[in-house]
Amino acid sequence: MAVGFKVKYYWYQIGHGDFLHSFFSTINHHLEQNGWGTEYPFLLNELYNGKLENKNIDSAITELEAIKKKLQNYSPSQVIWDIEDLSKRPPWGDNISKNISNLSNYFITSEGEDLIDMLMKALEKGLKTNSDVYIESL
């Protein structure tokens, strides 16, 4: 089942739900020492649970910028596939593109776009259209 970000009538396709969960799991595991959503509440609490309200988009953008910068310090081998089971590995294992140098550029959508860049586009579209940002399944 494909998931993506929905802003008004705009759709930003991510890919499989497990892949998006891996993105949030990786952030939580490496960057949130005090529990899920403690450092990045707008992305890991609001958005992850399905809806980021428009009034919180500016804060979410700030969080995403910090996340991107901090994930540069982690190698691709440090990806977390599932925060509930740290032994799980991505279905492709270590067979990744040579262009992936760290966790800030590890997450590439099913459409071949950088997930962090795509999320930033969705957040910016939410600001521009004065709309909430949703995670939805197709």
Protein backbone atom coordinates (compact mmCIF):
# COMPACT_ATOMS: atom_id res chain seq x y z
CA MET A 1 0.00 0.00 0.00
CA ALA A 2 1.44 3.37 -1.05
CA VAL A 3 1.57 6.25 1.38
CA GLY A 4 2.30 9.90 0.84
CA PHE A 5 1.81 13.43 2.00
CA LYS A 6 -1.42 15.17 1.02
CA VAL A 7 -1.74 18.94 1.03
CA LYS A 8 -5.11 20.18 -0.15
CA TYR A 9 -5.34 18.40 -3.54
CA TYR A 10 -1.57 17.95 -3.96
CA TRP A 11 -0.05 14.48 -3.52
CA TYR A 12 3.57 13.65 -2.68
CA GLN A 13 4.09 9.90 -3.03
CA ILE A 14 6.54 8.24 -0.66
CA GLY A 15 6.16 4.52 -1.28
CA HIS A 16 5.42 1.70 1.14
CA GLY A 17 4.29 2.53 4.66
CA ASP A 18 7.17 0.53 6.16
CA PHE A 19 9.61 2.84 4.40
CA LEU A 20 8.03 5.96 5.91
CA HIS A 21 7.95 4.27 9.32
CA SER A 22 11.68 3.58 8.91
CA PHE A 23 12.30 7.29 8.32
CA PHE A 24 10.56 8.25 11.55
CA SER A 25 12.11 5.29 13.42
CA THR A 26 15.59 6.38 12.35
CA ILE A 27 14.97 9.93 13.57
CA ASN A 28 13.64 8.72 16.89
CA HIS A 29 16.39 6.19 17.53
CA HIS A 30 19.33 8.45 16.73
CA LEU A 31 18.08 11.95 17.52
CA GLU A 32 15.54 11.67 20.34
CA GLN A 33 17.16 10.48 23.55
CA ASN A 34 14.10 11.05 25.76
CA GLY A 35 11.44 9.19 23.78
CA TRP A 36 9.30 9.46 20.68
CA GLY A 37 8.45 13.03 19.74
CA THR A 38 10.39 14.68 22.58
CA GLU A 39 12.78 16.59 20.32
CA TYR A 40 10.66 16.81 17.18
CA PRO A 41 7.03 16.89 18.36
CA PHE A 42 5.50 18.39 15.24
CA LEU A 43 6.98 15.80 12.87
CA LEU A 44 7.05 12.73 15.11
CA ASN A 45 3.84 13.31 17.02
CA GLU A 46 1.51 15.36 14.83
CA LEU A 47 2.55 14.43 11.30
CA TYR A 48 3.41 10.83 12.12
CA ASN A 49 -0.07 10.42 13.60
CA GLY A 50 -1.62 11.57 10.34
CA LYS A 51 -2.11 15.34 10.45
CA LEU A 52 0.15 18.35 10.88
CA GLU A 53 -1.90 21.47 11.43
CA ASN A 54 -1.07 24.48 9.29
CA LYS A 55 -0.32 26.62 12.35
CA ASN A 56 2.59 24.26 13.20
CA ILE A 57 4.21 24.03 9.77
CA ASP A 58 6.85 26.69 10.50
CA SER A 59 7.96 24.72 13.56
CA ALA A 60 7.95 21.48 11.56
CA ILE A 61 10.18 23.08 8.90
CA THR A 62 12.65 24.10 11.62
CA GLU A 63 12.58 20.53 12.95
CA LEU A 64 13.17 19.05 9.49
CA GLU A 65 16.12 21.34 8.81
CA ALA A 66 17.73 20.26 12.11
CA ILE A 67 17.02 16.59 11.39
CA LYS A 68 18.61 16.76 7.94
CA LYS A 69 21.74 18.34 9.36
CA LYS A 70 22.05 15.87 12.24
CA LEU A 71 21.42 12.78 10.08
CA GLN A 72 24.54 13.68 8.07
CA ASN A 73 26.54 12.32 11.02
CA TYR A 74 25.20 8.76 10.61
CA SER A 75 26.26 6.18 8.05
CA PRO A 76 23.72 4.33 5.88
CA SER A 77 24.41 1.16 7.87
CA GLN A 78 22.85 2.87 10.91
CA VAL A 79 19.37 3.01 9.37
CA ILE A 80 16.58 1.79 11.64
CA TRP A 81 13.95 -0.18 9.77
CA ASP A 82 11.53 -0.59 12.68
CA ILE A 83 11.86 1.08 16.07
CA GLU A 84 9.77 -1.70 17.64
CA ASP A 85 12.21 -4.38 16.39
CA LEU A 86 15.75 -3.10 16.00
CA SER A 87 16.87 -6.43 14.53
CA LYS A 88 14.80 -5.85 11.36
CA ARG A 89 16.74 -4.71 8.31
CA PRO A 90 15.54 -3.08 5.08
CA PRO A 91 14.41 -5.59 2.45
CA TRP A 92 17.30 -4.50 0.19
CA GLY A 93 19.86 -5.02 2.95
CA ASP A 94 23.08 -3.15 2.22
CA ASN A 95 22.47 -3.05 -1.53
CA ILE A 96 22.09 0.73 -1.89
CA SER A 97 23.23 3.37 -4.36
CA LYS A 98 26.79 4.63 -4.07
CA ASN A 99 25.26 8.14 -4.04
CA ILE A 100 23.90 7.49 -0.54
CA SER A 101 26.60 8.71 1.82
CA ASN A 102 24.74 9.18 5.11
CA LEU A 103 21.27 9.01 6.63
CA SER A 104 20.34 12.52 5.46
CA ASN A 105 20.25 11.27 1.86
CA TYR A 106 19.37 7.61 2.52
CA PHE A 107 15.61 7.87 2.15
CA ILE A 108 14.66 7.94 -1.54
CA THR A 109 10.97 7.69 -2.44
CA SER A 110 9.45 5.25 -4.91
CA GLU A 111 9.52 8.12 -7.40
CA GLY A 112 13.29 8.55 -6.95
CA GLU A 113 13.13 11.76 -4.92
CA ASP A 114 14.84 12.54 -1.63
CA LEU A 115 12.22 12.04 1.10
CA ILE A 116 13.44 14.96 3.21
CA ASP A 117 13.30 17.29 0.19
CA MET A 118 9.84 16.01 -0.71
CA LEU A 119 8.58 16.51 2.83
CA MET A 120 9.96 20.06 2.75
CA LYS A 121 8.07 20.70 -0.50
CA ALA A 122 4.86 19.40 1.09
CA LEU A 123 5.36 21.60 4.16
CA GLU A 124 6.04 24.64 1.99
CA LYS A 125 2.93 23.87 -0.08
CA GLY A 126 0.94 23.73 3.16
CA LEU A 127 2.20 27.19 4.07
CA LYS A 128 1.49 28.58 0.59
CA THR A 129 -2.05 27.16 0.46
CA ASN A 130 -2.80 27.69 4.17
CA SER A 131 -3.54 23.95 4.45
CA ASP A 132 -2.84 21.13 6.84
CA VAL A 133 -0.42 18.34 5.81
CA TYR A 134 -1.64 14.74 6.03
CA ILE A 135 -0.11 11.29 5.74
CA GLU A 136 -2.51 9.17 3.69
CA SER A 137 -2.59 5.74 2.11
CA LEU A 138 -3.75 4.95 -1.41
